[in-house]
Amino acid sequence: MTLRIAVTKTSGRANSDFKGTGDSFGKKMKTRTLFRIGAFALGMALTTMASAQAVNSGAQTIALNATLAESLTLSLSANSVNFTLAAGSAANAGSTNITATTAWVLKPGRTAVGVYAYFANAAQALTDGAGDNIPSSAFFISDNAGASTALTSTVAFGAANGGMQLANVAITGANKNSSRTDVMAFNINLTGGTLPQLPAATYTGTLNIQAQATP
């Protein structure tokens, strides 16, 4: 009896197909794994970003109020002047000039700043206290080297016919905060009326310098 053995050669294609299926499955597994890792990393990043965001309170307010007060000041470089009088003389100059400095910070609506020199009594600008007087009409001021002028005008302050206006500064938007100076030189003229017969004595008086800001 003869035993026949049949050997069948397996085609390489079948093995190839099986191998290809395995590779595809492996690639899919790798892709899924990478996707899961990426998703996890993204989730962690988002969680970290969310935890790093600022937390804000509600806003609270503070009311602010800043006031610049209106002001007008006048200062003098000195407060006394001496005269050595010569009987009947027109030239009796004061011992020193005095500078008046006027400074201001003004509200809108102010139109001018005036500076005035005046006496409280025009008939008795200076007096010896015994009835002998030097009137304001004999008292002269030269302001900033200008003409020497007697104090015979009626101004914002003092007696009628007993003063003079040294300055009138128009106020605009450009000088609401500003200043000016008036350098005053003084003279007493003893030539008018009965003044040439003025008796020897010491005559005293008070000259006032004042500023005013007007609407």
N, C-alpha and C. Protein backbone atom coordinates (compact mmCIF):
# COMPACT_ATOMS: atom_id res chain seq x y z
N MET A 1 0.88 -1.18 0.00
CA MET A 1 0.00 0.00 0.00
C MET A 1 0.90 1.20 0.00
N THR A 2 0.56 2.07 -0.79
CA THR A 2 1.41 3.28 -0.91
C THR A 2 0.70 4.43 -0.22
N LEU A 3 1.47 5.14 0.69
CA LEU A 3 0.93 6.32 1.40
C LEU A 3 1.35 7.57 0.65
N ARG A 4 0.41 8.24 0.26
CA ARG A 4 0.71 9.48 -0.48
C ARG A 4 0.55 10.68 0.48
N ILE A 5 1.52 11.48 0.48
CA ILE A 5 1.50 12.70 1.32
C ILE A 5 1.44 13.91 0.38
N ALA A 6 0.46 14.72 0.61
CA ALA A 6 0.31 15.93 -0.23
C ALA A 6 0.73 17.16 0.57
N VAL A 7 1.61 17.84 0.03
CA VAL A 7 2.09 19.07 0.67
C VAL A 7 1.59 20.27 -0.16
N THR A 8 0.85 21.14 0.48
CA THR A 8 0.30 22.31 -0.24
C THR A 8 1.11 23.56 0.12
N LYS A 9 1.60 24.27 -0.83
CA LYS A 9 2.40 25.48 -0.60
C LYS A 9 1.47 26.66 -0.37
N THR A 10 1.67 27.24 0.78
CA THR A 10 0.79 28.39 1.12
C THR A 10 1.24 29.63 0.36
N SER A 11 0.28 30.29 -0.16
CA SER A 11 0.59 31.48 -0.96
C SER A 11 1.13 32.61 -0.07
N GLY A 12 2.09 33.31 -0.48
CA GLY A 12 2.65 34.48 0.25
C GLY A 12 1.66 35.62 0.39
N ARG A 13 0.68 35.62 -0.44
CA ARG A 13 -0.32 36.70 -0.40
C ARG A 13 -1.13 36.66 0.85
N ALA A 14 -1.50 35.47 1.26
CA ALA A 14 -2.33 35.35 2.47
C ALA A 14 -1.59 35.90 3.66
N ASN A 15 -0.27 35.55 3.78
CA ASN A 15 0.52 36.09 4.91
C ASN A 15 0.64 37.59 4.84
N SER A 16 0.78 38.03 3.59
CA SER A 16 0.91 39.48 3.41
C SER A 16 -0.34 40.21 3.84
N ASP A 17 -1.51 39.64 3.49
CA ASP A 17 -2.78 40.28 3.88
C ASP A 17 -2.91 40.31 5.37
N PHE A 18 -2.53 39.30 6.04
CA PHE A 18 -2.65 39.23 7.50
C PHE A 18 -1.74 40.27 8.14
N LYS A 19 -0.51 40.33 7.56
CA LYS A 19 0.43 41.29 8.10
C LYS A 19 -0.06 42.72 7.91
N GLY A 20 -0.64 42.99 6.77
CA GLY A 20 -1.15 44.34 6.51
C GLY A 20 -2.24 44.71 7.46
N THR A 21 -3.09 43.75 7.79
CA THR A 21 -4.18 44.03 8.73
C THR A 21 -3.64 44.37 10.09
N GLY A 22 -2.58 43.66 10.48
CA GLY A 22 -1.96 43.95 11.78
C GLY A 22 -1.34 45.32 11.83
N ASP A 23 -0.65 45.72 10.77
CA ASP A 23 -0.04 47.06 10.73
C ASP A 23 -1.08 48.14 10.84
N SER A 24 -2.19 47.98 10.13
CA SER A 24 -3.26 48.99 10.16
C SER A 24 -3.84 49.11 11.55
N PHE A 25 -4.01 47.98 12.19
CA PHE A 25 -4.57 47.97 13.55
C PHE A 25 -3.61 48.67 14.51
N GLY A 26 -2.32 48.41 14.31
CA GLY A 26 -1.32 49.04 15.19
C GLY A 26 -1.27 50.54 15.01
N LYS A 27 -1.37 50.96 13.76
CA LYS A 27 -1.36 52.41 13.50
C LYS A 27 -2.56 53.07 14.15
N LYS A 28 -3.71 52.43 14.06
CA LYS A 28 -4.91 53.01 14.65
C LYS A 28 -4.76 53.11 16.16
N MET A 29 -4.15 52.06 16.74
CA MET A 29 -3.96 52.08 18.19
C MET A 29 -3.02 53.21 18.60
N LYS A 30 -1.95 53.38 17.80
CA LYS A 30 -1.03 54.47 18.10
C LYS A 30 -1.72 55.83 17.97
N THR A 31 -2.52 55.99 16.94
CA THR A 31 -3.23 57.26 16.72
C THR A 31 -4.16 57.56 17.88
N ARG A 32 -4.92 56.52 18.30
CA ARG A 32 -5.83 56.72 19.42
C ARG A 32 -5.08 57.07 20.70
N THR A 33 -3.94 56.40 20.88
CA THR A 33 -3.15 56.67 22.08
C THR A 33 -2.62 58.10 22.08
N LEU A 34 -2.09 58.51 20.92
CA LEU A 34 -1.58 59.88 20.80
C LEU A 34 -2.69 60.90 20.98
N PHE A 35 -3.86 60.60 20.44
CA PHE A 35 -5.00 61.51 20.58
C PHE A 35 -5.39 61.66 22.04
N ARG A 36 -5.42 60.49 22.74
CA ARG A 36 -5.77 60.54 24.15
C ARG A 36 -4.75 61.33 24.97
N ILE A 37 -3.47 61.12 24.64
CA ILE A 37 -2.42 61.87 25.33
C ILE A 37 -2.55 63.37 25.06
N GLY A 38 -2.80 63.68 23.78
CA GLY A 38 -2.95 65.10 23.41
C GLY A 38 -4.15 65.74 24.09
N ALA A 39 -5.27 64.98 24.11
CA ALA A 39 -6.48 65.50 24.75
C ALA A 39 -6.25 65.72 26.24
N PHE A 40 -5.53 64.80 26.84
CA PHE A 40 -5.22 64.91 28.28
C PHE A 40 -4.34 66.13 28.54
N ALA A 41 -3.31 66.30 27.68
CA ALA A 41 -2.40 67.45 27.83
C ALA A 41 -3.15 68.76 27.64
N LEU A 42 -4.04 68.79 26.62
CA LEU A 42 -4.83 69.99 26.37
C LEU A 42 -5.73 70.31 27.56
N GLY A 43 -6.34 69.24 28.09
CA GLY A 43 -7.21 69.42 29.25
C GLY A 43 -6.45 69.97 30.44
N MET A 44 -5.24 69.43 30.65
CA MET A 44 -4.42 69.93 31.75
C MET A 44 -4.04 71.39 31.54
N ALA A 45 -3.70 71.74 30.27
CA ALA A 45 -3.32 73.13 29.97
C ALA A 45 -4.49 74.07 30.21
N LEU A 46 -5.68 73.65 29.76
CA LEU A 46 -6.87 74.48 29.96
C LEU A 46 -7.17 74.64 31.44
N THR A 47 -7.00 73.56 32.18
CA THR A 47 -7.23 73.62 33.63
C THR A 47 -6.26 74.58 34.29
N THR A 48 -4.99 74.54 33.85
CA THR A 48 -3.96 75.44 34.40
C THR A 48 -4.27 76.88 34.06
N MET A 49 -4.69 77.13 32.81
CA MET A 49 -5.03 78.49 32.38
C MET A 49 -6.22 79.02 33.16
N ALA A 50 -7.20 78.13 33.35
CA ALA A 50 -8.40 78.55 34.08
C ALA A 50 -8.05 78.91 35.52
N SER A 51 -7.16 78.13 36.14
CA SER A 51 -6.79 78.40 37.53
C SER A 51 -5.90 79.63 37.63
N ALA A 52 -5.23 80.08 36.53
CA ALA A 52 -4.33 81.24 36.55
C ALA A 52 -5.05 82.55 36.27
N GLN A 53 -6.29 82.54 35.86
CA GLN A 53 -7.04 83.75 35.55
C GLN A 53 -7.31 84.55 36.82
N ALA A 54 -7.30 85.95 36.69
CA ALA A 54 -7.52 86.83 37.84
C ALA A 54 -8.99 86.78 38.27
N VAL A 55 -9.19 86.99 39.54
CA VAL A 55 -10.53 87.13 40.10
C VAL A 55 -10.68 88.57 40.55
N ASN A 56 -11.63 89.30 40.02
CA ASN A 56 -11.78 90.73 40.27
C ASN A 56 -12.95 91.02 41.22
N SER A 57 -12.74 92.00 42.09
CA SER A 57 -13.83 92.48 42.94
C SER A 57 -14.63 93.53 42.19
N GLY A 58 -15.72 93.95 42.76
CA GLY A 58 -16.46 95.06 42.19
C GLY A 58 -15.71 96.37 42.43
N ALA A 59 -15.85 97.35 41.54
CA ALA A 59 -15.15 98.63 41.65
C ALA A 59 -15.80 99.50 42.72
N GLN A 60 -14.97 100.12 43.54
CA GLN A 60 -15.42 101.08 44.54
C GLN A 60 -14.91 102.46 44.13
N THR A 61 -15.69 103.50 44.33
CA THR A 61 -15.34 104.83 43.83
C THR A 61 -14.91 105.77 44.95
N ILE A 62 -14.05 106.70 44.61
CA ILE A 62 -13.60 107.77 45.52
C ILE A 62 -13.87 109.09 44.84
N ALA A 63 -14.67 109.95 45.46
CA ALA A 63 -14.97 111.28 44.92
C ALA A 63 -13.80 112.21 45.21
N LEU A 64 -13.34 112.94 44.20
CA LEU A 64 -12.21 113.86 44.32
C LEU A 64 -12.69 115.29 44.19
N ASN A 65 -12.26 116.16 45.10
CA ASN A 65 -12.62 117.58 45.06
C ASN A 65 -11.36 118.40 45.31
N ALA A 66 -10.94 119.20 44.31
CA ALA A 66 -9.75 120.04 44.44
C ALA A 66 -10.16 121.50 44.25
N THR A 67 -9.85 122.34 45.23
CA THR A 67 -10.26 123.74 45.19
C THR A 67 -9.05 124.65 45.11
N LEU A 68 -9.01 125.51 44.13
CA LEU A 68 -8.02 126.57 44.03
C LEU A 68 -8.71 127.85 44.43
N ALA A 69 -8.40 128.36 45.60
CA ALA A 69 -9.11 129.51 46.14
C ALA A 69 -8.74 130.79 45.39
N GLU A 70 -9.72 131.66 45.23
CA GLU A 70 -9.47 132.96 44.63
C GLU A 70 -8.71 133.82 45.63
N SER A 71 -7.72 134.57 45.14
CA SER A 71 -6.94 135.41 46.04
C SER A 71 -6.47 136.67 45.35
N LEU A 72 -6.28 137.71 46.16
CA LEU A 72 -5.73 138.98 45.69
C LEU A 72 -4.90 139.55 46.84
N THR A 73 -3.60 139.69 46.63
CA THR A 73 -2.72 140.17 47.69
C THR A 73 -1.89 141.34 47.20
N LEU A 74 -1.50 142.20 48.15
CA LEU A 74 -0.62 143.32 47.84
C LEU A 74 0.41 143.44 48.96
N SER A 75 1.67 143.49 48.59
CA SER A 75 2.75 143.65 49.57
C SER A 75 3.62 144.82 49.19
N LEU A 76 4.25 145.44 50.21
CA LEU A 76 5.10 146.61 50.00
C LEU A 76 6.53 146.29 50.38
N SER A 77 7.47 146.87 49.67
CA SER A 77 8.89 146.66 49.96
C SER A 77 9.33 147.36 51.23
N ALA A 78 8.59 148.38 51.65
CA ALA A 78 8.87 149.10 52.90
C ALA A 78 7.57 149.76 53.35
N ASN A 79 7.55 150.21 54.60
CA ASN A 79 6.32 150.76 55.16
C ASN A 79 6.46 152.16 55.72
N SER A 80 7.55 152.83 55.39
CA SER A 80 7.69 154.21 55.85
C SER A 80 8.57 155.01 54.89
N VAL A 81 8.27 156.29 54.78
CA VAL A 81 9.04 157.21 53.96
C VAL A 81 9.21 158.52 54.75
N ASN A 82 10.39 159.08 54.73
CA ASN A 82 10.66 160.33 55.44
C ASN A 82 10.86 161.47 54.43
N PHE A 83 10.46 162.66 54.84
CA PHE A 83 10.61 163.85 54.01
C PHE A 83 11.31 164.93 54.85
N THR A 84 12.26 165.59 54.25
CA THR A 84 12.86 166.77 54.85
C THR A 84 12.33 167.97 54.07
N LEU A 85 11.43 168.71 54.68
CA LEU A 85 10.72 169.77 53.97
C LEU A 85 11.50 171.08 53.98
N ALA A 86 11.40 171.76 52.85
CA ALA A 86 11.93 173.12 52.73
C ALA A 86 10.74 174.05 52.52
N ALA A 87 10.63 175.06 53.33
CA ALA A 87 9.47 175.97 53.28
C ALA A 87 9.28 176.54 51.89
N GLY A 88 8.01 176.41 51.37
CA GLY A 88 7.66 176.99 50.08
C GLY A 88 8.27 176.29 48.89
N SER A 89 8.91 175.13 49.06
CA SER A 89 9.59 174.44 47.96
C SER A 89 8.65 173.44 47.29
N ALA A 90 8.79 173.33 45.97
CA ALA A 90 8.00 172.37 45.21
C ALA A 90 8.64 170.99 45.20
N ALA A 91 9.92 170.92 45.56
CA ALA A 91 10.65 169.65 45.49
C ALA A 91 11.04 169.19 46.89
N ASN A 92 10.26 168.28 47.43
CA ASN A 92 10.55 167.67 48.72
C ASN A 92 10.37 166.15 48.55
N ALA A 93 11.41 165.55 48.02
CA ALA A 93 11.32 164.13 47.64
C ALA A 93 11.35 163.23 48.87
N GLY A 94 10.69 162.11 48.75
CA GLY A 94 10.72 161.11 49.80
C GLY A 94 12.09 160.46 49.90
N SER A 95 12.38 159.89 51.05
CA SER A 95 13.70 159.31 51.30
C SER A 95 13.94 158.01 50.54
N THR A 96 12.89 157.36 50.11
CA THR A 96 13.05 156.08 49.41
C THR A 96 11.85 155.83 48.51
N ASN A 97 12.07 155.06 47.47
CA ASN A 97 10.96 154.57 46.66
C ASN A 97 10.40 153.31 47.30
N ILE A 98 9.13 153.04 47.06
CA ILE A 98 8.51 151.82 47.59
C ILE A 98 7.86 151.06 46.44
N THR A 99 8.09 149.76 46.42
CA THR A 99 7.51 148.89 45.39
C THR A 99 6.30 148.15 45.95
N ALA A 100 5.20 148.30 45.26
CA ALA A 100 3.99 147.54 45.60
C ALA A 100 3.87 146.37 44.64
N THR A 101 3.79 145.16 45.17
CA THR A 101 3.63 143.95 44.35
C THR A 101 2.23 143.41 44.55
N THR A 102 1.47 143.37 43.49
CA THR A 102 0.09 142.87 43.54
C THR A 102 0.04 141.53 42.81
N ALA A 103 -0.50 140.52 43.48
CA ALA A 103 -0.60 139.17 42.89
C ALA A 103 -2.03 138.69 43.01
N TRP A 104 -2.48 137.93 42.01
CA TRP A 104 -3.86 137.47 42.02
C TRP A 104 -4.04 136.11 41.37
N VAL A 105 -5.04 135.38 41.86
CA VAL A 105 -5.57 134.16 41.24
C VAL A 105 -7.08 134.36 41.23
N LEU A 106 -7.65 134.53 40.05
CA LEU A 106 -9.03 134.98 39.96
C LEU A 106 -9.96 133.97 39.31
N LYS A 107 -11.23 134.05 39.67
CA LYS A 107 -12.26 133.21 39.07
C LYS A 107 -12.65 133.77 37.70
N PRO A 108 -13.26 132.93 36.86
CA PRO A 108 -13.81 133.44 35.60
C PRO A 108 -14.84 134.53 35.88
N GLY A 109 -14.88 135.53 35.03
CA GLY A 109 -15.83 136.62 35.22
C GLY A 109 -15.18 137.90 35.71
N ARG A 110 -13.98 137.81 36.30
CA ARG A 110 -13.27 139.02 36.70
C ARG A 110 -12.76 139.74 35.46
N THR A 111 -12.90 141.05 35.46
CA THR A 111 -12.55 141.81 34.26
C THR A 111 -11.32 142.69 34.41
N ALA A 112 -11.00 143.09 35.65
CA ALA A 112 -9.88 144.00 35.84
C ALA A 112 -9.35 143.93 37.27
N VAL A 113 -8.08 144.30 37.41
CA VAL A 113 -7.47 144.50 38.73
C VAL A 113 -6.98 145.93 38.77
N GLY A 114 -7.47 146.67 39.76
CA GLY A 114 -7.03 148.05 39.95
C GLY A 114 -6.16 148.17 41.18
N VAL A 115 -5.15 149.03 41.11
CA VAL A 115 -4.28 149.32 42.25
C VAL A 115 -4.39 150.81 42.55
N TYR A 116 -4.64 151.13 43.83
CA TYR A 116 -4.95 152.51 44.21
C TYR A 116 -4.08 152.98 45.36
N ALA A 117 -3.76 154.29 45.36
CA ALA A 117 -3.13 154.97 46.49
C ALA A 117 -4.14 156.02 46.98
N TYR A 118 -4.30 156.12 48.29
CA TYR A 118 -5.32 157.07 48.78
C TYR A 118 -5.08 157.44 50.24
N PHE A 119 -5.69 158.57 50.62
CA PHE A 119 -5.72 159.02 52.00
C PHE A 119 -7.15 158.93 52.52
N ALA A 120 -7.27 158.74 53.81
CA ALA A 120 -8.59 158.67 54.43
C ALA A 120 -9.24 160.06 54.51
N ASN A 121 -8.42 161.12 54.53
CA ASN A 121 -8.91 162.49 54.61
C ASN A 121 -8.10 163.33 53.64
N ALA A 122 -8.76 163.84 52.62
CA ALA A 122 -8.05 164.59 51.58
C ALA A 122 -7.48 165.91 52.10
N ALA A 123 -8.16 166.52 53.04
CA ALA A 123 -7.70 167.80 53.57
C ALA A 123 -6.56 167.65 54.56
N GLN A 124 -6.42 166.47 55.14
CA GLN A 124 -5.39 166.23 56.14
C GLN A 124 -4.59 164.98 55.80
N ALA A 125 -3.92 165.01 54.66
CA ALA A 125 -3.07 163.88 54.28
C ALA A 125 -1.96 163.71 55.31
N LEU A 126 -1.34 164.83 55.70
CA LEU A 126 -0.37 164.86 56.80
C LEU A 126 -0.76 166.02 57.72
N THR A 127 -0.58 165.86 58.99
CA THR A 127 -0.96 166.89 59.95
C THR A 127 0.02 166.94 61.11
N ASP A 128 0.11 168.15 61.72
CA ASP A 128 0.96 168.26 62.92
C ASP A 128 0.13 168.05 64.19
N GLY A 129 -1.18 167.81 64.02
CA GLY A 129 -2.05 167.59 65.16
C GLY A 129 -2.49 168.86 65.85
N ALA A 130 -2.03 169.99 65.35
CA ALA A 130 -2.38 171.29 65.97
C ALA A 130 -3.16 172.17 65.01
N GLY A 131 -3.68 171.56 63.95
CA GLY A 131 -4.48 172.31 62.99
C GLY A 131 -3.74 172.70 61.73
N ASP A 132 -2.48 172.36 61.65
CA ASP A 132 -1.71 172.65 60.44
C ASP A 132 -1.61 171.36 59.62
N ASN A 133 -2.04 171.46 58.37
CA ASN A 133 -2.19 170.24 57.55
C ASN A 133 -1.56 170.40 56.17
N ILE A 134 -1.15 169.25 55.63
CA ILE A 134 -0.74 169.16 54.24
C ILE A 134 -1.79 168.32 53.52
N PRO A 135 -2.52 168.91 52.53
CA PRO A 135 -3.59 168.18 51.86
C PRO A 135 -3.05 167.16 50.85
N SER A 136 -3.93 166.26 50.42
CA SER A 136 -3.53 165.25 49.42
C SER A 136 -3.16 165.89 48.09
N SER A 137 -3.69 167.10 47.84
CA SER A 137 -3.37 167.78 46.58
C SER A 137 -1.91 168.21 46.51
N ALA A 138 -1.21 168.23 47.68
CA ALA A 138 0.20 168.58 47.71
C ALA A 138 1.10 167.35 47.74
N PHE A 139 0.48 166.19 47.74
CA PHE A 139 1.25 164.94 47.81
C PHE A 139 1.24 164.30 46.42
N PHE A 140 2.44 164.00 45.89
CA PHE A 140 2.57 163.51 44.53
C PHE A 140 3.24 162.13 44.51
N ILE A 141 2.81 161.31 43.55
CA ILE A 141 3.42 160.00 43.33
C ILE A 141 3.78 159.86 41.85
N SER A 142 5.00 159.41 41.60
CA SER A 142 5.42 159.00 40.26
C SER A 142 5.44 157.48 40.25
N ASP A 143 4.57 156.86 39.46
CA ASP A 143 4.47 155.40 39.42
C ASP A 143 5.25 154.85 38.23
N ASN A 144 6.19 153.96 38.52
CA ASN A 144 7.02 153.32 37.48
C ASN A 144 7.65 154.36 36.55
N ALA A 145 8.21 155.41 37.17
CA ALA A 145 8.93 156.48 36.46
C ALA A 145 8.03 157.32 35.57
N GLY A 146 6.72 157.26 35.82
CA GLY A 146 5.79 158.10 35.06
C GLY A 146 5.71 159.50 35.63
N ALA A 147 4.79 160.27 35.10
CA ALA A 147 4.61 161.65 35.55
C ALA A 147 4.21 161.69 37.02
N SER A 148 4.73 162.69 37.74
CA SER A 148 4.40 162.87 39.15
C SER A 148 3.00 163.46 39.23
N THR A 149 2.10 162.76 39.94
CA THR A 149 0.68 163.12 39.94
C THR A 149 0.17 163.31 41.37
N ALA A 150 -0.58 164.39 41.57
CA ALA A 150 -1.15 164.67 42.90
C ALA A 150 -2.32 163.73 43.17
N LEU A 151 -2.55 163.44 44.43
CA LEU A 151 -3.65 162.55 44.82
C LEU A 151 -4.91 163.38 44.99
N THR A 152 -5.58 163.64 43.87
CA THR A 152 -6.79 164.48 43.88
C THR A 152 -8.00 163.77 43.27
N SER A 153 -7.87 162.50 42.95
CA SER A 153 -8.97 161.77 42.31
C SER A 153 -9.79 161.02 43.36
N THR A 154 -11.04 160.78 43.01
CA THR A 154 -11.90 159.92 43.83
C THR A 154 -11.79 158.51 43.28
N VAL A 155 -11.31 157.60 44.10
CA VAL A 155 -11.07 156.23 43.64
C VAL A 155 -11.93 155.26 44.44
N ALA A 156 -11.68 153.97 44.24
CA ALA A 156 -12.51 152.93 44.86
C ALA A 156 -12.45 152.95 46.38
N PHE A 157 -11.39 153.53 46.94
CA PHE A 157 -11.22 153.55 48.39
C PHE A 157 -10.92 154.98 48.85
N GLY A 158 -11.07 155.20 50.15
CA GLY A 158 -10.63 156.46 50.74
C GLY A 158 -11.55 157.63 50.51
N ALA A 159 -11.02 158.81 50.79
CA ALA A 159 -11.81 160.05 50.74
C ALA A 159 -12.01 160.52 49.31
N ALA A 160 -13.08 161.28 49.11
CA ALA A 160 -13.30 161.93 47.82
C ALA A 160 -12.14 162.88 47.55
N ASN A 161 -11.68 162.87 46.32
CA ASN A 161 -10.59 163.74 45.87
C ASN A 161 -9.29 163.52 46.66
N GLY A 162 -9.13 162.29 47.16
CA GLY A 162 -7.95 162.03 47.98
C GLY A 162 -7.12 160.86 47.52
N GLY A 163 -7.21 160.50 46.24
CA GLY A 163 -6.45 159.34 45.80
C GLY A 163 -6.01 159.41 44.35
N MET A 164 -5.41 158.30 43.90
CA MET A 164 -5.04 158.14 42.49
C MET A 164 -5.00 156.65 42.17
N GLN A 165 -5.30 156.34 40.92
CA GLN A 165 -5.21 154.95 40.48
C GLN A 165 -3.83 154.71 39.91
N LEU A 166 -3.11 153.77 40.50
CA LEU A 166 -1.77 153.45 40.02
C LEU A 166 -1.81 152.55 38.80
N ALA A 167 -2.78 151.63 38.75
CA ALA A 167 -2.82 150.66 37.65
C ALA A 167 -4.24 150.18 37.43
N ASN A 168 -4.51 149.78 36.20
CA ASN A 168 -5.77 149.12 35.84
C ASN A 168 -5.42 148.02 34.84
N VAL A 169 -5.42 146.78 35.32
CA VAL A 169 -5.00 145.65 34.50
C VAL A 169 -6.23 144.90 34.00
N ALA A 170 -6.43 144.86 32.70
CA ALA A 170 -7.53 144.09 32.12
C ALA A 170 -7.24 142.60 32.29
N ILE A 171 -8.24 141.85 32.74
CA ILE A 171 -8.08 140.41 32.98
C ILE A 171 -8.65 139.63 31.80
N THR A 172 -7.84 138.73 31.28
CA THR A 172 -8.24 137.85 30.19
C THR A 172 -7.98 136.41 30.61
N GLY A 173 -8.23 135.48 29.71
CA GLY A 173 -7.93 134.09 30.01
C GLY A 173 -6.46 133.81 30.21
N ALA A 174 -5.61 134.73 29.74
CA ALA A 174 -4.16 134.51 29.81
C ALA A 174 -3.53 135.04 31.09
N ASN A 175 -4.25 135.84 31.88
CA ASN A 175 -3.62 136.41 33.09
C ASN A 175 -4.53 136.35 34.31
N LYS A 176 -5.34 135.30 34.40
CA LYS A 176 -6.16 135.12 35.61
C LYS A 176 -5.30 134.76 36.82
N ASN A 177 -4.10 134.28 36.57
CA ASN A 177 -3.13 134.01 37.62
C ASN A 177 -1.87 134.79 37.24
N SER A 178 -1.67 135.96 37.88
CA SER A 178 -0.57 136.81 37.44
C SER A 178 -0.21 137.80 38.56
N SER A 179 0.63 138.77 38.22
CA SER A 179 1.05 139.78 39.18
C SER A 179 1.57 141.01 38.45
N ARG A 180 1.76 142.10 39.20
CA ARG A 180 2.37 143.30 38.65
C ARG A 180 3.08 144.04 39.77
N THR A 181 3.99 144.94 39.41
CA THR A 181 4.69 145.75 40.39
C THR A 181 4.52 147.22 40.04
N ASP A 182 4.42 148.03 41.08
CA ASP A 182 4.35 149.49 40.94
C ASP A 182 5.43 150.08 41.83
N VAL A 183 6.40 150.76 41.20
CA VAL A 183 7.49 151.40 41.94
C VAL A 183 7.12 152.87 42.11
N MET A 184 6.91 153.26 43.36
CA MET A 184 6.40 154.60 43.65
C MET A 184 7.49 155.51 44.20
N ALA A 185 7.62 156.69 43.59
CA ALA A 185 8.50 157.74 44.10
C ALA A 185 7.60 158.88 44.60
N PHE A 186 7.95 159.50 45.73
CA PHE A 186 7.06 160.45 46.40
C PHE A 186 7.66 161.87 46.45
N ASN A 187 6.75 162.84 46.46
CA ASN A 187 7.18 164.24 46.60
C ASN A 187 6.06 165.04 47.25
N ILE A 188 6.46 166.02 48.05
CA ILE A 188 5.49 166.95 48.65
C ILE A 188 5.79 168.35 48.11
N ASN A 189 4.78 168.99 47.54
CA ASN A 189 4.90 170.33 46.95
C ASN A 189 4.27 171.34 47.90
N LEU A 190 5.09 172.25 48.42
CA LEU A 190 4.61 173.23 49.39
C LEU A 190 4.44 174.62 48.78
N THR A 191 4.09 174.67 47.48
CA THR A 191 3.97 175.99 46.83
C THR A 191 2.54 176.50 46.75
N GLY A 192 1.56 175.64 46.93
CA GLY A 192 0.17 176.04 46.69
C GLY A 192 -0.53 176.57 47.92
N GLY A 193 -1.47 177.51 47.70
CA GLY A 193 -2.32 178.01 48.78
C GLY A 193 -1.53 178.61 49.92
N THR A 194 -1.84 178.15 51.12
CA THR A 194 -1.17 178.65 52.33
C THR A 194 0.04 177.82 52.71
N LEU A 195 0.37 176.84 51.91
CA LEU A 195 1.47 175.93 52.27
C LEU A 195 2.83 176.62 52.40
N PRO A 196 3.11 177.70 51.64
CA PRO A 196 4.40 178.36 51.85
C PRO A 196 4.56 178.92 53.27
N GLN A 197 3.42 179.11 53.98
CA GLN A 197 3.46 179.63 55.34
C GLN A 197 3.32 178.53 56.39
N LEU A 198 3.52 177.30 55.96
CA LEU A 198 3.38 176.17 56.88
C LEU A 198 4.42 176.31 58.01
N PRO A 199 3.97 176.23 59.26
CA PRO A 199 4.92 176.40 60.36
C PRO A 199 5.82 175.18 60.54
N ALA A 200 6.92 175.40 61.16
CA ALA A 200 7.84 174.30 61.46
C ALA A 200 7.18 173.34 62.44
N ALA A 201 7.19 172.08 62.06
CA ALA A 201 6.59 171.04 62.91
C ALA A 201 6.88 169.69 62.27
N THR A 202 6.49 168.66 62.96
CA THR A 202 6.57 167.31 62.39
C THR A 202 5.18 166.92 61.92
N TYR A 203 5.09 166.60 60.65
CA TYR A 203 3.80 166.27 60.03
C TYR A 203 3.78 164.77 59.73
N THR A 204 2.72 164.12 60.16
CA THR A 204 2.61 162.67 59.94
C THR A 204 1.30 162.36 59.24
N GLY A 205 1.32 161.27 58.53
CA GLY A 205 0.11 160.82 57.85
C GLY A 205 0.26 159.37 57.42
N THR A 206 -0.82 158.83 56.90
CA THR A 206 -0.82 157.42 56.44
C THR A 206 -1.33 157.36 55.01
N LEU A 207 -0.49 156.86 54.15
CA LEU A 207 -0.87 156.62 52.76
C LEU A 207 -1.25 155.15 52.63
N ASN A 208 -2.38 154.88 52.02
CA ASN A 208 -2.86 153.52 51.84
C ASN A 208 -2.69 153.07 50.40
N ILE A 209 -2.23 151.85 50.20
CA ILE A 209 -2.12 151.24 48.87
C ILE A 209 -2.99 149.98 48.89
N GLN A 210 -3.92 149.88 47.97
CA GLN A 210 -4.87 148.76 48.00
C GLN A 210 -5.25 148.36 46.57
N ALA A 211 -5.52 147.07 46.41
CA ALA A 211 -5.91 146.54 45.09
C ALA A 211 -7.34 146.03 45.14
N GLN A 212 -7.98 145.99 43.98
CA GLN A 212 -9.35 145.50 43.87
C GLN A 212 -9.54 144.77 42.53
N ALA A 213 -10.17 143.60 42.60
CA ALA A 213 -10.54 142.86 41.38
C ALA A 213 -12.02 143.06 41.15
N THR A 214 -12.40 143.47 39.98
CA THR A 214 -13.79 143.80 39.70
C THR A 214 -14.43 142.76 38.77
N PRO A 215 -15.75 142.57 38.89
CA PRO A 215 -16.47 141.65 37.99
C PRO A 215 -16.40 142.14 36.56
